[in-house]
Amino acid sequence: MSVRIRLAGAALLLCAGASAAFEISESALNDYVAQAIARKATRDVQLLNPKVTLQDGYAKLCASLASSFLKRPVDFCADVTPVWRAESGSLHATKMALVSLDAPGVREKDIELLKSLVNQLVLPGLDGVEVYRADSFIGKQLSWLTVLPGRLELGF
């Protein structure tokens, strides 16, 4: 009898594990992103107040870009594709694409140049940045990621 109970328990755990998932909230993700972006800062370029917004199926990163080359910070937003890398048990921001740029005090004719610089220098420098790392044992078992409003769902 005890063998049957153990087998039933093991089968239940296996079935439950097949559909198990855990979530990362948008606020927790923003804490991790702020730390990751701070590590990427250089003397010449800094991203201030980064904030990730999680939508249905995609994410958006907004931040202020400060540089010695700019009179004042420039605000921008970029669409981001979050990717889970099971081999390292970590979440990475990839495929960033600029969607908006607000540059007060910058002449209209210089806006396109500034957009080009953000697209060709700033965003590629952030591409692939690790924004979250799970416990090694759990993180390497996760195989899928879904972006939902206000949260990421990761599962086995």
N, C-alpha and C. Protein backbone atom coordinates (compact mmCIF):
# COMPACT_ATOMS: atom_id res chain seq x y z
N MET A 1 0.81 -1.19 0.00
CA MET A 1 0.00 0.00 0.00
C MET A 1 0.86 1.26 0.00
N SER A 2 1.90 1.29 0.79
CA SER A 2 2.73 2.49 0.85
C SER A 2 3.47 2.72 -0.47
N VAL A 3 3.77 1.68 -1.22
CA VAL A 3 4.42 1.83 -2.52
C VAL A 3 3.46 2.53 -3.48
N ARG A 4 2.19 2.14 -3.45
CA ARG A 4 1.19 2.76 -4.33
C ARG A 4 1.04 4.26 -4.00
N ILE A 5 1.03 4.57 -2.72
CA ILE A 5 0.89 5.97 -2.32
C ILE A 5 2.10 6.77 -2.79
N ARG A 6 3.28 6.21 -2.66
CA ARG A 6 4.49 6.90 -3.11
C ARG A 6 4.49 7.09 -4.62
N LEU A 7 4.10 6.06 -5.34
CA LEU A 7 4.03 6.19 -6.80
C LEU A 7 3.00 7.22 -7.22
N ALA A 8 1.86 7.23 -6.56
CA ALA A 8 0.82 8.22 -6.87
C ALA A 8 1.33 9.63 -6.56
N GLY A 9 2.02 9.78 -5.46
CA GLY A 9 2.59 11.09 -5.09
C GLY A 9 3.62 11.54 -6.10
N ALA A 10 4.49 10.61 -6.53
CA ALA A 10 5.51 10.95 -7.52
C ALA A 10 4.86 11.34 -8.85
N ALA A 11 3.82 10.62 -9.26
CA ALA A 11 3.12 10.94 -10.51
C ALA A 11 2.47 12.31 -10.42
N LEU A 12 1.88 12.61 -9.27
CA LEU A 12 1.25 13.91 -9.08
C LEU A 12 2.28 15.03 -9.17
N LEU A 13 3.44 14.83 -8.55
CA LEU A 13 4.50 15.83 -8.62
C LEU A 13 4.99 16.03 -10.05
N LEU A 14 5.14 14.94 -10.79
CA LEU A 14 5.58 15.04 -12.17
C LEU A 14 4.57 15.81 -13.01
N CYS A 15 3.30 15.52 -12.83
CA CYS A 15 2.26 16.22 -13.59
C CYS A 15 2.22 17.69 -13.20
N ALA A 16 2.32 17.96 -11.92
CA ALA A 16 2.31 19.35 -11.47
C ALA A 16 3.53 20.09 -11.98
N GLY A 17 4.68 19.44 -12.00
CA GLY A 17 5.91 20.06 -12.47
C GLY A 17 5.87 20.38 -13.94
N ALA A 18 5.12 19.61 -14.72
CA ALA A 18 5.05 19.84 -16.15
C ALA A 18 4.39 21.17 -16.49
N SER A 19 3.51 21.63 -15.60
CA SER A 19 2.83 22.88 -15.90
C SER A 19 3.16 23.97 -14.88
N ALA A 20 4.17 23.75 -14.08
CA ALA A 20 4.53 24.71 -13.05
C ALA A 20 5.15 25.96 -13.66
N ALA A 21 4.87 27.09 -13.01
CA ALA A 21 5.40 28.36 -13.49
C ALA A 21 5.62 29.28 -12.29
N PHE A 22 6.45 30.27 -12.48
CA PHE A 22 6.56 31.31 -11.48
C PHE A 22 6.62 32.65 -12.18
N GLU A 23 6.38 33.70 -11.42
CA GLU A 23 6.26 35.03 -12.00
C GLU A 23 7.31 35.98 -11.47
N ILE A 24 7.66 36.94 -12.30
CA ILE A 24 8.50 38.07 -11.90
C ILE A 24 7.62 39.30 -12.11
N SER A 25 7.37 40.05 -11.05
CA SER A 25 6.52 41.23 -11.17
C SER A 25 7.27 42.35 -11.89
N GLU A 26 6.52 43.27 -12.43
CA GLU A 26 7.11 44.42 -13.12
C GLU A 26 7.97 45.24 -12.16
N SER A 27 7.52 45.42 -10.92
CA SER A 27 8.32 46.22 -9.97
C SER A 27 9.62 45.51 -9.61
N ALA A 28 9.58 44.19 -9.41
CA ALA A 28 10.81 43.45 -9.13
C ALA A 28 11.75 43.52 -10.33
N LEU A 29 11.21 43.37 -11.52
CA LEU A 29 12.02 43.45 -12.73
C LEU A 29 12.67 44.83 -12.85
N ASN A 30 11.95 45.87 -12.52
CA ASN A 30 12.51 47.22 -12.58
C ASN A 30 13.67 47.41 -11.62
N ASP A 31 13.61 46.77 -10.45
CA ASP A 31 14.75 46.82 -9.52
C ASP A 31 15.98 46.18 -10.15
N TYR A 32 15.80 45.02 -10.78
CA TYR A 32 16.92 44.32 -11.43
C TYR A 32 17.45 45.13 -12.61
N VAL A 33 16.54 45.72 -13.39
CA VAL A 33 16.95 46.50 -14.57
C VAL A 33 17.77 47.71 -14.15
N ALA A 34 17.36 48.40 -13.09
CA ALA A 34 18.11 49.57 -12.62
C ALA A 34 19.54 49.18 -12.26
N GLN A 35 19.71 48.04 -11.62
CA GLN A 35 21.06 47.57 -11.26
C GLN A 35 21.86 47.20 -12.52
N ALA A 36 21.23 46.50 -13.44
CA ALA A 36 21.92 46.07 -14.67
C ALA A 36 22.35 47.27 -15.51
N ILE A 37 21.48 48.27 -15.62
CA ILE A 37 21.80 49.46 -16.42
C ILE A 37 22.91 50.25 -15.73
N ALA A 38 22.88 50.32 -14.42
CA ALA A 38 23.94 51.05 -13.69
C ALA A 38 25.30 50.41 -13.95
N ARG A 39 25.35 49.09 -14.09
CA ARG A 39 26.62 48.41 -14.37
C ARG A 39 27.12 48.71 -15.78
N LYS A 40 26.22 49.06 -16.69
CA LYS A 40 26.58 49.35 -18.08
C LYS A 40 26.97 50.81 -18.31
N ALA A 41 26.77 51.66 -17.31
CA ALA A 41 27.05 53.10 -17.47
C ALA A 41 28.53 53.33 -17.76
N THR A 42 28.78 54.33 -18.58
CA THR A 42 30.15 54.74 -18.87
C THR A 42 30.31 56.18 -18.41
N ARG A 43 31.51 56.66 -18.51
CA ARG A 43 31.77 58.04 -18.12
C ARG A 43 31.04 59.02 -19.04
N ASP A 44 30.91 58.65 -20.32
CA ASP A 44 30.32 59.56 -21.29
C ASP A 44 28.81 59.43 -21.44
N VAL A 45 28.26 58.25 -21.15
CA VAL A 45 26.83 58.02 -21.36
C VAL A 45 26.25 57.32 -20.14
N GLN A 46 25.15 57.88 -19.63
CA GLN A 46 24.45 57.27 -18.50
C GLN A 46 22.96 57.21 -18.81
N LEU A 47 22.33 56.12 -18.40
CA LEU A 47 20.89 56.00 -18.51
C LEU A 47 20.32 56.18 -17.11
N LEU A 48 19.45 57.15 -16.98
CA LEU A 48 18.88 57.49 -15.69
C LEU A 48 17.41 57.06 -15.63
N ASN A 49 16.99 56.66 -14.46
CA ASN A 49 15.60 56.29 -14.20
C ASN A 49 15.02 55.29 -15.20
N PRO A 50 15.69 54.17 -15.43
CA PRO A 50 15.13 53.19 -16.37
C PRO A 50 13.86 52.57 -15.78
N LYS A 51 12.89 52.36 -16.64
CA LYS A 51 11.63 51.75 -16.21
C LYS A 51 11.13 50.84 -17.32
N VAL A 52 10.85 49.60 -16.94
CA VAL A 52 10.30 48.63 -17.87
C VAL A 52 8.80 48.55 -17.65
N THR A 53 8.06 48.57 -18.74
CA THR A 53 6.62 48.37 -18.69
C THR A 53 6.34 47.08 -19.46
N LEU A 54 5.65 46.16 -18.81
CA LEU A 54 5.33 44.87 -19.43
C LEU A 54 3.91 44.93 -19.99
N GLN A 55 3.80 44.65 -21.27
CA GLN A 55 2.51 44.66 -21.98
C GLN A 55 2.16 43.23 -22.34
N ASP A 56 1.12 43.06 -23.10
CA ASP A 56 0.71 41.73 -23.53
C ASP A 56 1.59 41.29 -24.70
N GLY A 57 2.61 40.49 -24.42
CA GLY A 57 3.47 39.95 -25.46
C GLY A 57 4.76 40.71 -25.71
N TYR A 58 4.95 41.87 -25.10
CA TYR A 58 6.19 42.61 -25.31
C TYR A 58 6.48 43.49 -24.10
N ALA A 59 7.68 44.07 -24.10
CA ALA A 59 8.09 44.97 -23.02
C ALA A 59 8.60 46.27 -23.63
N LYS A 60 8.53 47.32 -22.82
CA LYS A 60 9.02 48.62 -23.26
C LYS A 60 9.95 49.15 -22.17
N LEU A 61 11.13 49.64 -22.57
CA LEU A 61 12.09 50.26 -21.66
C LEU A 61 12.10 51.75 -21.94
N CYS A 62 11.87 52.54 -20.90
CA CYS A 62 11.97 54.00 -21.02
C CYS A 62 13.04 54.47 -20.04
N ALA A 63 13.80 55.48 -20.45
CA ALA A 63 14.87 56.00 -19.60
C ALA A 63 15.24 57.40 -20.08
N SER A 64 16.06 58.05 -19.29
CA SER A 64 16.64 59.33 -19.70
C SER A 64 18.10 59.09 -20.02
N LEU A 65 18.55 59.63 -21.13
CA LEU A 65 19.93 59.50 -21.58
C LEU A 65 20.66 60.79 -21.23
N ALA A 66 21.69 60.67 -20.42
CA ALA A 66 22.50 61.83 -20.06
C ALA A 66 23.91 61.63 -20.60
N SER A 67 24.47 62.70 -21.12
CA SER A 67 25.80 62.63 -21.70
C SER A 67 26.44 64.01 -21.64
N SER A 68 27.75 64.01 -21.62
CA SER A 68 28.46 65.29 -21.66
C SER A 68 28.25 65.98 -23.01
N PHE A 69 27.78 65.23 -24.01
CA PHE A 69 27.53 65.78 -25.34
C PHE A 69 26.17 66.47 -25.45
N LEU A 70 25.31 66.25 -24.44
CA LEU A 70 23.96 66.82 -24.46
C LEU A 70 23.83 67.90 -23.40
N LYS A 71 23.09 68.94 -23.71
CA LYS A 71 22.89 70.02 -22.74
C LYS A 71 22.03 69.56 -21.58
N ARG A 72 21.04 68.73 -21.87
CA ARG A 72 20.17 68.16 -20.83
C ARG A 72 19.78 66.74 -21.23
N PRO A 73 19.31 65.98 -20.25
CA PRO A 73 18.95 64.58 -20.56
C PRO A 73 17.86 64.50 -21.63
N VAL A 74 17.91 63.41 -22.38
CA VAL A 74 16.95 63.12 -23.44
C VAL A 74 16.17 61.88 -23.02
N ASP A 75 14.85 61.96 -23.08
CA ASP A 75 14.00 60.82 -22.72
C ASP A 75 13.73 59.98 -23.95
N PHE A 76 13.77 58.66 -23.77
CA PHE A 76 13.45 57.77 -24.89
C PHE A 76 12.75 56.52 -24.38
N CYS A 77 12.07 55.86 -25.29
CA CYS A 77 11.46 54.55 -25.02
C CYS A 77 11.82 53.62 -26.17
N ALA A 78 12.04 52.37 -25.84
CA ALA A 78 12.37 51.36 -26.84
C ALA A 78 11.59 50.09 -26.55
N ASP A 79 11.08 49.46 -27.60
CA ASP A 79 10.50 48.13 -27.43
C ASP A 79 11.63 47.15 -27.19
N VAL A 80 11.39 46.18 -26.33
CA VAL A 80 12.41 45.21 -25.92
C VAL A 80 11.81 43.82 -26.00
N THR A 81 12.61 42.87 -26.45
CA THR A 81 12.20 41.48 -26.43
C THR A 81 12.94 40.78 -25.30
N PRO A 82 12.23 40.37 -24.23
CA PRO A 82 12.89 39.62 -23.17
C PRO A 82 13.11 38.18 -23.62
N VAL A 83 14.30 37.65 -23.35
CA VAL A 83 14.64 36.28 -23.74
C VAL A 83 15.18 35.54 -22.52
N TRP A 84 14.65 34.34 -22.27
CA TRP A 84 15.15 33.51 -21.18
C TRP A 84 16.24 32.60 -21.72
N ARG A 85 17.39 32.60 -21.07
CA ARG A 85 18.50 31.73 -21.47
C ARG A 85 18.66 30.65 -20.40
N ALA A 86 18.16 29.46 -20.71
CA ALA A 86 18.15 28.36 -19.75
C ALA A 86 19.57 27.94 -19.36
N GLU A 87 20.52 28.02 -20.29
CA GLU A 87 21.88 27.57 -19.99
C GLU A 87 22.51 28.37 -18.85
N SER A 88 22.10 29.62 -18.68
CA SER A 88 22.63 30.43 -17.59
C SER A 88 21.58 30.74 -16.52
N GLY A 89 20.33 30.37 -16.80
CA GLY A 89 19.25 30.67 -15.85
C GLY A 89 19.03 32.15 -15.69
N SER A 90 19.06 32.89 -16.83
CA SER A 90 18.97 34.34 -16.74
C SER A 90 18.08 34.93 -17.83
N LEU A 91 17.58 36.13 -17.54
CA LEU A 91 16.72 36.87 -18.44
C LEU A 91 17.54 37.99 -19.07
N HIS A 92 17.41 38.14 -20.38
CA HIS A 92 18.17 39.15 -21.11
C HIS A 92 17.24 40.03 -21.93
N ALA A 93 17.59 41.31 -22.05
CA ALA A 93 16.87 42.26 -22.88
C ALA A 93 17.52 42.25 -24.27
N THR A 94 16.74 41.96 -25.29
CA THR A 94 17.28 41.87 -26.65
C THR A 94 16.39 42.62 -27.64
N LYS A 95 16.89 42.77 -28.84
CA LYS A 95 16.16 43.35 -29.98
C LYS A 95 15.48 44.66 -29.61
N MET A 96 16.27 45.60 -29.11
CA MET A 96 15.72 46.89 -28.73
C MET A 96 15.50 47.77 -29.96
N ALA A 97 14.34 48.40 -30.01
CA ALA A 97 14.00 49.28 -31.13
C ALA A 97 13.39 50.57 -30.59
N LEU A 98 13.99 51.67 -30.94
CA LEU A 98 13.53 52.98 -30.48
C LEU A 98 12.11 53.25 -30.98
N VAL A 99 11.23 53.65 -30.06
CA VAL A 99 9.86 53.99 -30.44
C VAL A 99 9.52 55.45 -30.18
N SER A 100 10.24 56.10 -29.27
CA SER A 100 9.99 57.53 -29.04
C SER A 100 11.24 58.19 -28.47
N LEU A 101 11.33 59.48 -28.74
CA LEU A 101 12.46 60.27 -28.27
C LEU A 101 11.96 61.68 -27.97
N ASP A 102 12.23 62.18 -26.78
CA ASP A 102 11.85 63.54 -26.40
C ASP A 102 13.12 64.27 -26.01
N ALA A 103 13.50 65.25 -26.82
CA ALA A 103 14.75 65.96 -26.60
C ALA A 103 14.49 67.46 -26.54
N PRO A 104 14.06 67.95 -25.37
CA PRO A 104 13.81 69.39 -25.27
C PRO A 104 15.09 70.19 -25.48
N GLY A 105 14.97 71.26 -26.22
CA GLY A 105 16.12 72.11 -26.46
C GLY A 105 16.97 71.69 -27.64
N VAL A 106 16.68 70.54 -28.23
CA VAL A 106 17.45 70.09 -29.40
C VAL A 106 16.70 70.57 -30.65
N ARG A 107 17.44 71.16 -31.57
CA ARG A 107 16.83 71.66 -32.80
C ARG A 107 16.22 70.53 -33.60
N GLU A 108 15.13 70.84 -34.27
CA GLU A 108 14.38 69.85 -35.03
C GLU A 108 15.27 69.10 -36.03
N LYS A 109 16.17 69.82 -36.68
CA LYS A 109 17.03 69.17 -37.68
C LYS A 109 18.04 68.22 -37.02
N ASP A 110 18.33 68.39 -35.74
CA ASP A 110 19.27 67.51 -35.04
C ASP A 110 18.60 66.29 -34.40
N ILE A 111 17.26 66.29 -34.35
CA ILE A 111 16.54 65.18 -33.74
C ILE A 111 16.83 63.87 -34.48
N GLU A 112 16.82 63.89 -35.80
CA GLU A 112 17.07 62.67 -36.58
C GLU A 112 18.48 62.13 -36.31
N LEU A 113 19.44 63.01 -36.19
CA LEU A 113 20.80 62.61 -35.87
C LEU A 113 20.84 61.96 -34.48
N LEU A 114 20.16 62.56 -33.54
CA LEU A 114 20.11 62.03 -32.18
C LEU A 114 19.43 60.66 -32.15
N LYS A 115 18.34 60.51 -32.89
CA LYS A 115 17.67 59.21 -32.99
C LYS A 115 18.62 58.15 -33.55
N SER A 116 19.35 58.54 -34.56
CA SER A 116 20.31 57.62 -35.17
C SER A 116 21.40 57.20 -34.18
N LEU A 117 21.89 58.16 -33.40
CA LEU A 117 22.91 57.83 -32.39
C LEU A 117 22.38 56.88 -31.32
N VAL A 118 21.15 57.12 -30.88
CA VAL A 118 20.55 56.22 -29.88
C VAL A 118 20.38 54.83 -30.47
N ASN A 119 19.89 54.76 -31.72
CA ASN A 119 19.67 53.46 -32.38
C ASN A 119 20.97 52.72 -32.68
N GLN A 120 22.03 53.44 -33.00
CA GLN A 120 23.26 52.79 -33.43
C GLN A 120 24.31 52.64 -32.34
N LEU A 121 24.20 53.43 -31.27
CA LEU A 121 25.22 53.36 -30.21
C LEU A 121 24.67 52.92 -28.85
N VAL A 122 23.61 53.56 -28.42
CA VAL A 122 23.09 53.30 -27.07
C VAL A 122 22.38 51.96 -26.99
N LEU A 123 21.39 51.74 -27.86
CA LEU A 123 20.61 50.50 -27.78
C LEU A 123 21.45 49.25 -28.07
N PRO A 124 22.32 49.25 -29.08
CA PRO A 124 23.17 48.07 -29.27
C PRO A 124 24.09 47.80 -28.06
N GLY A 125 24.47 48.84 -27.35
CA GLY A 125 25.29 48.65 -26.15
C GLY A 125 24.54 47.98 -25.02
N LEU A 126 23.23 48.06 -25.06
CA LEU A 126 22.39 47.43 -24.05
C LEU A 126 21.87 46.06 -24.49
N ASP A 127 21.92 45.79 -25.79
CA ASP A 127 21.37 44.53 -26.30
C ASP A 127 22.02 43.32 -25.64
N GLY A 128 21.19 42.45 -25.13
CA GLY A 128 21.69 41.24 -24.48
C GLY A 128 22.03 41.40 -23.02
N VAL A 129 21.80 42.60 -22.45
CA VAL A 129 22.14 42.82 -21.05
C VAL A 129 21.30 41.89 -20.17
N GLU A 130 21.97 41.28 -19.22
CA GLU A 130 21.28 40.39 -18.27
C GLU A 130 20.54 41.26 -17.26
N VAL A 131 19.22 41.06 -17.16
CA VAL A 131 18.43 41.88 -16.25
C VAL A 131 17.87 41.09 -15.07
N TYR A 132 18.03 39.78 -15.09
CA TYR A 132 17.57 38.95 -13.97
C TYR A 132 18.28 37.60 -14.04
N ARG A 133 18.62 37.08 -12.87
CA ARG A 133 19.23 35.74 -12.80
C ARG A 133 18.52 34.96 -11.70
N ALA A 134 18.03 33.80 -12.06
CA ALA A 134 17.35 32.92 -11.09
C ALA A 134 18.38 32.04 -10.39
N ASP A 135 17.94 31.42 -9.33
CA ASP A 135 18.76 30.42 -8.67
C ASP A 135 19.18 29.39 -9.72
N SER A 136 20.43 29.01 -9.71
CA SER A 136 20.98 28.14 -10.75
C SER A 136 20.18 26.86 -10.94
N PHE A 137 19.79 26.23 -9.85
CA PHE A 137 19.07 24.96 -9.95
C PHE A 137 17.73 25.14 -10.65
N ILE A 138 16.99 26.17 -10.27
CA ILE A 138 15.68 26.41 -10.86
C ILE A 138 15.82 27.05 -12.24
N GLY A 139 16.65 28.06 -12.35
CA GLY A 139 16.77 28.82 -13.59
C GLY A 139 17.14 27.98 -14.80
N LYS A 140 17.96 26.99 -14.60
CA LYS A 140 18.39 26.15 -15.73
C LYS A 140 17.32 25.16 -16.15
N GLN A 141 16.28 25.01 -15.34
CA GLN A 141 15.18 24.11 -15.67
C GLN A 141 14.05 24.81 -16.42
N LEU A 142 14.01 26.12 -16.34
CA LEU A 142 12.94 26.88 -16.98
C LEU A 142 13.11 26.85 -18.49
N SER A 143 12.00 26.69 -19.20
CA SER A 143 12.12 26.54 -20.64
C SER A 143 11.26 27.52 -21.44
N TRP A 144 10.35 28.23 -20.80
CA TRP A 144 9.53 29.17 -21.57
C TRP A 144 9.27 30.45 -20.78
N LEU A 145 8.95 31.49 -21.55
CA LEU A 145 8.72 32.83 -21.00
C LEU A 145 7.53 33.44 -21.72
N THR A 146 6.63 34.03 -20.95
CA THR A 146 5.50 34.74 -21.52
C THR A 146 5.45 36.13 -20.88
N VAL A 147 5.33 37.16 -21.73
CA VAL A 147 5.23 38.52 -21.24
C VAL A 147 3.74 38.86 -21.13
N LEU A 148 3.33 39.19 -19.91
CA LEU A 148 1.93 39.53 -19.63
C LEU A 148 1.88 40.93 -19.03
N PRO A 149 0.75 41.59 -19.08
CA PRO A 149 0.67 42.93 -18.49
C PRO A 149 1.07 42.91 -17.01
N GLY A 150 2.14 43.66 -16.70
CA GLY A 150 2.60 43.79 -15.32
C GLY A 150 3.43 42.65 -14.76
N ARG A 151 3.70 41.62 -15.57
CA ARG A 151 4.47 40.48 -15.04
C ARG A 151 5.04 39.62 -16.17
N LEU A 152 6.09 38.89 -15.79
CA LEU A 152 6.65 37.86 -16.68
C LEU A 152 6.30 36.53 -16.06
N GLU A 153 5.92 35.59 -16.89
CA GLU A 153 5.64 34.24 -16.40
C GLU A 153 6.67 33.31 -17.02
N LEU A 154 7.35 32.55 -16.15
CA LEU A 154 8.38 31.61 -16.59
C LEU A 154 7.95 30.22 -16.16
N GLY A 155 8.21 29.23 -17.00
CA GLY A 155 7.76 27.89 -16.67
C GLY A 155 8.70 26.80 -17.09
N PHE A 156 8.37 25.62 -16.61
CA PHE A 156 9.18 24.41 -16.85
C PHE A 156 8.66 23.66 -18.05
